[in-house]
C-alpha atoms as a PDB file:
ATOM      1  CA  UNK A   1     -53.010  16.177  34.016  1.00  0.00           C
ATOM      2  CA  UNK A   2     -54.700  15.446  30.707  1.00  0.00           C
ATOM      3  CA  UNK A   3     -52.510  17.910  28.808  1.00  0.00           C
ATOM      4  CA  UNK A   4     -49.340  16.631  30.483  1.00  0.00           C
ATOM      5  CA  UNK A   5     -50.206  13.046  29.611  1.00  0.00           C
ATOM      6  CA  UNK A   6     -50.934  14.024  26.019  1.00  0.00           C
ATOM      7  CA  UNK A   7     -47.574  15.785  25.779  1.00  0.00           C
ATOM      8  CA  UNK A   8     -45.804  12.646  27.021  1.00  0.00           C
ATOM      9  CA  UNK A   9     -47.670  10.484  24.528  1.00  0.00           C
ATOM     10  CA  UNK A  10     -46.730  12.825  21.683  1.00  0.00           C
ATOM     11  CA  UNK A  11     -43.060  12.810  22.723  1.00  0.00           C
ATOM     12  CA  UNK A  12     -43.004   9.016  22.845  1.00  0.00           C
ATOM     13  CA  UNK A  13     -44.660   8.834  19.434  1.00  0.00           C
ATOM     14  CA  UNK A  14     -42.195  11.352  17.962  1.00  0.00           C
ATOM     15  CA  UNK A  15     -39.272   9.322  19.303  1.00  0.00           C
ATOM     16  CA  UNK A  16     -40.734   6.158  17.806  1.00  0.00           C
ATOM     17  CA  UNK A  17     -41.273   7.879  14.460  1.00  0.00           C
ATOM     18  CA  UNK A  18     -37.698   9.203  14.504  1.00  0.00           C
ATOM     19  CA  UNK A  19     -36.297   5.744  15.267  1.00  0.00           C
ATOM     20  CA  UNK A  20     -38.309   4.274  12.417  1.00  0.00           C
ATOM     21  CA  UNK A  21     -37.056   6.955  10.007  1.00  0.00           C
ATOM     22  CA  UNK A  22     -33.440   6.366  11.029  1.00  0.00           C
ATOM     23  CA  UNK A  23     -33.888   2.601  10.752  1.00  0.00           C
ATOM     24  CA  UNK A  24     -35.236   3.032   7.235  1.00  0.00           C
ATOM     25  CA  UNK A  25     -32.446   5.434   6.229  1.00  0.00           C
ATOM     26  CA  UNK A  26     -29.776   2.995   7.419  1.00  0.00           C
ATOM     27  CA  UNK A  27     -31.541   0.102   5.715  1.00  0.00           C
ATOM     28  CA  UNK A  28     -31.545   1.990   2.398  1.00  0.00           C
ATOM     29  CA  UNK A  29     -27.908   2.925   2.905  1.00  0.00           C
ATOM     30  CA  UNK A  30     -26.813  -0.655   3.589  1.00  0.00           C
ATOM     31  CA  UNK A  31     -28.414  -1.720   0.341  1.00  0.00           C
ATOM     32  CA  UNK A  32     -27.030   1.189  -1.705  1.00  0.00           C
ATOM     33  CA  UNK A  33     -23.494   0.981  -0.328  1.00  0.00           C
ATOM     34  CA  UNK A  34     -23.155  -2.567  -1.645  1.00  0.00           C
ATOM     35  CA  UNK A  35     -23.028  -1.083  -5.145  1.00  0.00           C
ATOM     36  CA  UNK A  36     -19.596  -1.648  -6.763  1.00  0.00           C
ATOM     37  CA  UNK A  37     -19.619   1.928  -8.114  1.00  0.00           C
ATOM     38  CA  UNK A  38     -17.717   4.407  -5.884  1.00  0.00           C
ATOM     39  CA  UNK A  39     -20.006   7.191  -7.134  1.00  0.00           C
ATOM     40  CA  UNK A  40     -23.055   5.232  -5.995  1.00  0.00           C
ATOM     41  CA  UNK A  41     -21.526   4.568  -2.579  1.00  0.00           C
ATOM     42  CA  UNK A  42     -20.702   8.256  -2.261  1.00  0.00           C
ATOM     43  CA  UNK A  43     -24.285   9.168  -3.132  1.00  0.00           C
ATOM     44  CA  UNK A  44     -25.496   6.726  -0.491  1.00  0.00           C
ATOM     45  CA  UNK A  45     -23.420   8.511   2.150  1.00  0.00           C
ATOM     46  CA  UNK A  46     -24.726  11.920   1.134  1.00  0.00           C
ATOM     47  CA  UNK A  47     -28.306  10.641   1.250  1.00  0.00           C
ATOM     48  CA  UNK A  48     -27.752   9.148   4.700  1.00  0.00           C
ATOM     49  CA  UNK A  49     -26.397  12.492   5.930  1.00  0.00           C
ATOM     50  CA  UNK A  50     -29.809  13.951   5.147  1.00  0.00           C
ATOM     51  CA  UNK A  51     -30.984  12.222   8.318  1.00  0.00           C
ATOM     52  CA  UNK A  52     -28.600  13.570  10.997  1.00  0.00           C
ATOM     53  CA  UNK A  53     -28.639  11.285  14.026  1.00  0.00           C
ATOM     54  CA  UNK A  54     -26.179   9.639  16.413  1.00  0.00           C
ATOM     55  CA  UNK A  55     -26.532   6.379  14.530  1.00  0.00           C
ATOM     56  CA  UNK A  56     -26.164   7.793  11.018  1.00  0.00           C
ATOM     57  CA  UNK A  57     -23.142   9.803  12.157  1.00  0.00           C
ATOM     58  CA  UNK A  58     -21.476   6.629  13.423  1.00  0.00           C
ATOM     59  CA  UNK A  59     -22.000   4.968  10.044  1.00  0.00           C
ATOM     60  CA  UNK A  60     -20.571   7.892   8.067  1.00  0.00           C
ATOM     61  CA  UNK A  61     -17.530   8.260  10.318  1.00  0.00           C
ATOM     62  CA  UNK A  62     -16.547   4.691   9.455  1.00  0.00           C
ATOM     63  CA  UNK A  63     -15.998   5.761   5.838  1.00  0.00           C
ATOM     64  CA  UNK A  64     -13.723   8.729   6.559  1.00  0.00           C
ATOM     65  CA  UNK A  65     -10.692   6.465   6.537  1.00  0.00           C
ATOM     66  CA  UNK A  66     -12.011   3.542   4.516  1.00  0.00           C
ATOM     67  CA  UNK A  67     -12.852   2.668   0.907  1.00  0.00           C
ATOM     68  CA  UNK A  68     -11.539   4.579  -2.124  1.00  0.00           C
ATOM     69  CA  UNK A  69     -10.857   8.319  -2.401  1.00  0.00           C
ATOM     70  CA  UNK A  70     -14.228   9.218  -3.924  1.00  0.00           C
ATOM     71  CA  UNK A  71     -16.094   7.558  -1.066  1.00  0.00           C
ATOM     72  CA  UNK A  72     -13.910   9.130   1.628  1.00  0.00           C
ATOM     73  CA  UNK A  73     -14.478  12.529   0.019  1.00  0.00           C
ATOM     74  CA  UNK A  74     -18.231  11.920   0.179  1.00  0.00           C
ATOM     75  CA  UNK A  75     -17.959  10.958   3.847  1.00  0.00           C
ATOM     76  CA  UNK A  76     -16.014  14.132   4.639  1.00  0.00           C
ATOM     77  CA  UNK A  77     -18.499  16.309   2.770  1.00  0.00           C
ATOM     78  CA  UNK A  78     -21.466  14.560   4.411  1.00  0.00           C
ATOM     79  CA  UNK A  79     -20.228  15.427   7.884  1.00  0.00           C
ATOM     80  CA  UNK A  80     -21.060  19.085   7.255  1.00  0.00           C
ATOM     81  CA  UNK A  81     -24.697  18.104   7.958  1.00  0.00           C
ATOM     82  CA  UNK A  82     -23.837  17.258  11.563  1.00  0.00           C
ATOM     83  CA  UNK A  83     -23.384  20.724  13.023  1.00  0.00           C
ATOM     84  CA  UNK A  84     -24.995  19.684  16.311  1.00  0.00           C
ATOM     85  CA  UNK A  85     -22.331  17.011  16.806  1.00  0.00           C
ATOM     86  CA  UNK A  86     -19.242  19.250  16.640  1.00  0.00           C
ATOM     87  CA  UNK A  87     -17.642  17.665  19.699  1.00  0.00           C
ATOM     88  CA  UNK A  88     -17.505  14.398  17.776  1.00  0.00           C
ATOM     89  CA  UNK A  89     -17.133  15.629  14.211  1.00  0.00           C
ATOM     90  CA  UNK A  90     -14.284  18.129  14.666  1.00  0.00           C
ATOM     91  CA  UNK A  91     -11.793  15.698  16.270  1.00  0.00           C
ATOM     92  CA  UNK A  92     -12.861  13.036  13.776  1.00  0.00           C
ATOM     93  CA  UNK A  93     -12.080  15.372  10.895  1.00  0.00           C
ATOM     94  CA  UNK A  94      -8.732  16.221  12.476  1.00  0.00           C
ATOM     95  CA  UNK A  95      -7.912  12.517  12.727  1.00  0.00           C
ATOM     96  CA  UNK A  96      -9.113  12.098   9.153  1.00  0.00           C
ATOM     97  CA  UNK A  97      -6.591  14.677   7.964  1.00  0.00           C
ATOM     98  CA  UNK A  98      -3.792  12.639   9.466  1.00  0.00           C
ATOM     99  CA  UNK A  99      -5.150   9.345   8.156  1.00  0.00           C
ATOM    100  CA  UNK A 100      -5.408  10.827   4.655  1.00  0.00           C
ATOM    101  CA  UNK A 101      -2.104  12.706   4.718  1.00  0.00           C
ATOM    102  CA  UNK A 102      -1.171  11.306   1.309  1.00  0.00           C
ATOM    103  CA  UNK A 103      -4.550  11.936  -0.314  1.00  0.00           C
ATOM    104  CA  UNK A 104      -4.973  15.632  -1.050  1.00  0.00           C
ATOM    105  CA  UNK A 105      -8.512  15.228  -2.415  1.00  0.00           C
ATOM    106  CA  UNK A 106      -9.766  13.883   0.895  1.00  0.00           C
ATOM    107  CA  UNK A 107      -7.804  16.518   2.811  1.00  0.00           C
ATOM    108  CA  UNK A 108      -9.431  19.247   0.724  1.00  0.00           C
ATOM    109  CA  UNK A 109     -12.905  17.853   1.466  1.00  0.00           C
ATOM    110  CA  UNK A 110     -12.134  17.626   5.187  1.00  0.00           C
ATOM    111  CA  UNK A 111     -10.873  21.207   5.344  1.00  0.00           C
ATOM    112  CA  UNK A 112     -13.929  22.514   3.510  1.00  0.00           C
ATOM    113  CA  UNK A 113     -16.164  20.756   6.017  1.00  0.00           C
ATOM    114  CA  UNK A 114     -14.165  22.180   8.925  1.00  0.00           C
ATOM    115  CA  UNK A 115     -14.776  25.617   7.439  1.00  0.00           C
ATOM    116  CA  UNK A 116     -18.514  25.011   7.170  1.00  0.00           C
ATOM    117  CA  UNK A 117     -18.674  23.697  10.733  1.00  0.00           C
ATOM    118  CA  UNK A 118     -17.024  26.910  12.007  1.00  0.00           C
ATOM    119  CA  UNK A 119     -16.078  25.191  15.250  1.00  0.00           C
ATOM    120  CA  UNK A 120     -13.482  27.281  17.137  1.00  0.00           C
ATOM    121  CA  UNK A 121     -11.796  24.007  18.140  1.00  0.00           C
ATOM    122  CA  UNK A 122     -11.110  23.310  14.475  1.00  0.00           C
ATOM    123  CA  UNK A 123      -9.502  26.657  13.649  1.00  0.00           C
ATOM    124  CA  UNK A 124      -5.934  25.704  14.688  1.00  0.00           C
ATOM    125  CA  UNK A 125      -6.214  22.641  12.447  1.00  0.00           C
ATOM    126  CA  UNK A 126      -7.190  24.865   9.532  1.00  0.00           C
ATOM    127  CA  UNK A 127      -4.327  27.288  10.198  1.00  0.00           C
ATOM    128  CA  UNK A 128      -1.838  24.416  10.406  1.00  0.00           C
ATOM    129  CA  UNK A 129      -2.549  23.611   6.766  1.00  0.00           C
ATOM    130  CA  UNK A 130      -1.714  27.055   5.346  1.00  0.00           C
ATOM    131  CA  UNK A 131       1.771  25.938   4.362  1.00  0.00           C
ATOM    132  CA  UNK A 132       1.187  22.463   2.984  1.00  0.00           C
ATOM    133  CA  UNK A 133       3.229  21.523  -0.118  1.00  0.00           C
ATOM    134  CA  UNK A 134      -0.029  20.793  -1.967  1.00  0.00           C
ATOM    135  CA  UNK A 135      -1.472  24.072  -3.220  1.00  0.00           C
ATOM    136  CA  UNK A 136      -4.909  22.438  -3.335  1.00  0.00           C
ATOM    137  CA  UNK A 137      -4.711  21.661   0.379  1.00  0.00           C
ATOM    138  CA  UNK A 138      -3.318  25.100   1.213  1.00  0.00           C
ATOM    139  CA  UNK A 139      -6.021  26.967  -0.709  1.00  0.00           C
ATOM    140  CA  UNK A 140      -8.710  24.733   0.815  1.00  0.00           C
ATOM    141  CA  UNK A 141      -7.400  25.648   4.274  1.00  0.00           C
ATOM    142  CA  UNK A 142      -7.417  29.350   3.415  1.00  0.00           C
ATOM    143  CA  UNK A 143     -10.966  29.042   2.078  1.00  0.00           C
ATOM    144  CA  UNK A 144     -12.000  27.172   5.222  1.00  0.00           C
ATOM    145  CA  UNK A 145     -10.643  29.995   7.370  1.00  0.00           C
ATOM    146  CA  UNK A 146     -12.733  32.412   5.351  1.00  0.00           C
ATOM    147  CA  UNK A 147     -15.857  30.266   5.645  1.00  0.00           C
ATOM    148  CA  UNK A 148     -15.449  29.810   9.410  1.00  0.00           C
ATOM    149  CA  UNK A 149     -15.145  33.599   9.915  1.00  0.00           C
ATOM    150  CA  UNK A 150     -13.205  33.621  13.191  1.00  0.00           C
ATOM    151  CA  UNK A 151     -11.251  36.697  14.314  1.00  0.00           C
ATOM    152  CA  UNK A 152      -8.096  34.727  15.119  1.00  0.00           C
ATOM    153  CA  UNK A 153      -7.824  33.698  11.480  1.00  0.00           C
ATOM    154  CA  UNK A 154      -7.035  37.274  10.498  1.00  0.00           C
ATOM    155  CA  UNK A 155      -3.632  37.262  12.218  1.00  0.00           C
ATOM    156  CA  UNK A 156      -2.819  33.840  10.783  1.00  0.00           C
ATOM    157  CA  UNK A 157      -3.751  34.986   7.279  1.00  0.00           C
ATOM    158  CA  UNK A 158      -1.813  38.245   7.611  1.00  0.00           C
ATOM    159  CA  UNK A 159       1.299  36.298   8.637  1.00  0.00           C
ATOM    160  CA  UNK A 160       0.840  33.952   5.691  1.00  0.00           C
ATOM    161  CA  UNK A 161       0.407  36.931   3.375  1.00  0.00           C
ATOM    162  CA  UNK A 162       3.670  38.456   4.628  1.00  0.00           C
ATOM    163  CA  UNK A 163       5.462  35.197   3.848  1.00  0.00           C
ATOM    164  CA  UNK A 164       3.877  34.961   0.397  1.00  0.00           C
ATOM    165  CA  UNK A 165       4.886  38.522  -0.424  1.00  0.00           C
ATOM    166  CA  UNK A 166       8.440  37.836   0.796  1.00  0.00           C
ATOM    167  CA  UNK A 167       8.686  34.707  -1.351  1.00  0.00           C
ATOM    168  CA  UNK A 168       7.375  36.579  -4.373  1.00  0.00           C
ATOM    169  CA  UNK A 169       9.868  39.396  -3.861  1.00  0.00           C
ATOM    170  CA  UNK A 170      12.772  36.970  -3.492  1.00  0.00           C
ATOM    171  CA  UNK A 171      11.591  34.764  -6.373  1.00  0.00           C
ATOM    172  CA  UNK A 172      11.257  31.800  -4.047  1.00  0.00           C
ATOM    173  CA  UNK A 173       8.763  28.940  -3.931  1.00  0.00           C
ATOM    174  CA  UNK A 174       8.046  28.800  -0.228  1.00  0.00           C
ATOM    175  CA  UNK A 175       6.901  25.340   0.903  1.00  0.00           C
ATOM    176  CA  UNK A 176       4.643  24.822  -2.107  1.00  0.00           C
ATOM    177  CA  UNK A 177       5.264  22.245  -4.802  1.00  0.00           C
ATOM    178  CA  UNK A 178       3.760  20.809  -7.965  1.00  0.00           C
ATOM    179  CA  UNK A 179       1.740  17.567  -7.702  1.00  0.00           C
ATOM    180  CA  UNK A 180       4.888  15.628  -8.635  1.00  0.00           C
ATOM    181  CA  UNK A 181       6.693  17.115  -5.640  1.00  0.00           C
ATOM    182  CA  UNK A 182       8.970  19.314  -7.727  1.00  0.00           C
ATOM    183  CA  UNK A 183       9.367  23.056  -7.249  1.00  0.00           C
ATOM    184  CA  UNK A 184       9.139  23.939 -10.923  1.00  0.00           C
ATOM    185  CA  UNK A 185      10.579  26.960 -12.666  1.00  0.00           C
ATOM    186  CA  UNK A 186      10.379  30.595 -11.584  1.00  0.00           C
ATOM    187  CA  UNK A 187       7.117  31.257 -13.427  1.00  0.00           C
ATOM    188  CA  UNK A 188       5.462  28.218 -11.881  1.00  0.00           C
ATOM    189  CA  UNK A 189       6.548  29.294  -8.402  1.00  0.00           C
ATOM    190  CA  UNK A 190       5.255  32.796  -9.011  1.00  0.00           C
ATOM    191  CA  UNK A 191       1.942  31.529 -10.350  1.00  0.00           C
ATOM    192  CA  UNK A 192       1.342  29.330  -7.319  1.00  0.00           C
ATOM    193  CA  UNK A 193       2.084  32.137  -4.894  1.00  0.00           C
ATOM    194  CA  UNK A 194      -0.102  34.607  -6.779  1.00  0.00           C
ATOM    195  CA  UNK A 195      -3.000  32.147  -6.668  1.00  0.00           C
ATOM    196  CA  UNK A 196      -2.503  31.662  -2.942  1.00  0.00           C
ATOM    197  CA  UNK A 197      -2.463  35.442  -2.455  1.00  0.00           C
ATOM    198  CA  UNK A 198      -5.787  35.709  -4.302  1.00  0.00           C
ATOM    199  CA  UNK A 199      -7.286  33.123  -1.949  1.00  0.00           C
ATOM    200  CA  UNK A 200      -5.985  35.025   1.074  1.00  0.00           C
ATOM    201  CA  UNK A 201      -7.713  38.186  -0.133  1.00  0.00           C
ATOM    202  CA  UNK A 202     -10.963  36.276  -0.705  1.00  0.00           C
ATOM    203  CA  UNK A 203     -10.759  34.965   2.862  1.00  0.00           C
ATOM    204  CA  UNK A 204     -10.114  38.468   4.216  1.00  0.00           C
ATOM    205  CA  UNK A 205     -13.148  39.749   2.324  1.00  0.00           C
ATOM    206  CA  UNK A 206     -15.367  36.923   3.547  1.00  0.00           C
ATOM    207  CA  UNK A 207     -14.368  37.351   7.185  1.00  0.00           C
ATOM    208  CA  UNK A 208     -14.538  41.148   7.321  1.00  0.00           C
ATOM    209  CA  UNK A 209     -17.005  41.996   4.514  1.00  0.00           C
ATOM    210  CA  UNK A 210     -14.511  44.649   3.409  1.00  0.00           C
ATOM    211  CA  UNK A 211     -13.528  44.934  -0.267  1.00  0.00           C
ATOM    212  CA  UNK A 212      -9.823  45.840  -0.230  1.00  0.00           C
ATOM    213  CA  UNK A 213      -8.111  44.135  -3.151  1.00  0.00           C
ATOM    214  CA  UNK A 214      -4.348  44.203  -2.546  1.00  0.00           C
ATOM    215  CA  UNK A 215      -1.969  42.761   0.026  1.00  0.00           C
ATOM    216  CA  UNK A 216      -0.735  46.218   0.995  1.00  0.00           C
ATOM    217  CA  UNK A 217      -4.238  47.565   1.582  1.00  0.00           C
ATOM    218  CA  UNK A 218      -5.123  44.637   3.803  1.00  0.00           C
ATOM    219  CA  UNK A 219      -1.972  44.922   5.878  1.00  0.00           C
ATOM    220  CA  UNK A 220      -2.648  48.625   6.493  1.00  0.00           C
ATOM    221  CA  UNK A 221      -6.349  48.062   7.200  1.00  0.00           C
ATOM    222  CA  UNK A 222      -5.708  45.254   9.672  1.00  0.00           C
ATOM    223  CA  UNK A 223      -3.009  47.235  11.442  1.00  0.00           C
ATOM    224  CA  UNK A 224      -5.551  49.992  12.109  1.00  0.00           C
ATOM    225  CA  UNK A 225      -8.533  47.774  12.964  1.00  0.00           C
ATOM    226  CA  UNK A 226      -7.025  44.781  14.765  1.00  0.00           C
ATOM    227  CA  UNK A 227      -7.487  46.120  18.306  1.00  0.00           C
ATOM    228  CA  UNK A 228     -11.210  46.826  17.930  1.00  0.00           C
ATOM    229  CA  UNK A 229     -12.272  44.441  15.164  1.00  0.00           C
ATOM    230  CA  UNK A 230     -15.384  42.314  15.642  1.00  0.00           C
ATOM    231  CA  UNK A 231     -16.783  39.875  13.093  1.00  0.00           C
ATOM    232  CA  UNK A 232     -19.610  41.645  11.225  1.00  0.00           C
ATOM    233  CA  UNK A 233     -22.891  39.823  10.797  1.00  0.00           C
END
């Protein structure tokens, strides 16, 4: 009985200590976030994320669609610290993508966090951004697929690679555009597609830990291994 009582006392004390630490973290945040500097407010969010908790998560989520770009980016990046809250974070990030559909910097940060979270529920969201007009968003989505390392991303990346190779062969742009929304000349189109192809290969390498370096090699390799492939540790 004595040991059981001691265990209960220790649990109660730990809970009290945790509440006090969270209270203090939020208090510091509320003071820091009043700073007129976006960089300072972003730093405050990142510091708060160092204390993952239901309450700190709620605070950070409020900034995913509020304030200026730099602060929303910080909020998106900070959510990568909340891996134990995937059921809340993943749909919130998905909603954040829609809310920030005209802000590619925030979209990039959200996609990178989705990749770090590696939540299977977030994989379709990542794949859906492979053909965004913004090359920054597209490459962030490809990188996120690599970081998440899910088998289903291989098929999605192979299909994207086939499209990229087709567009290169036909001297087309695909869906991708310059920041001003224009397609650009033939060299610009080619350069964008070649950069996207490089990111696809990096994602393949990250997922599989294989070192093939060309589109053709990867297509052949995946055709032979698809049926039996398992993600290596």
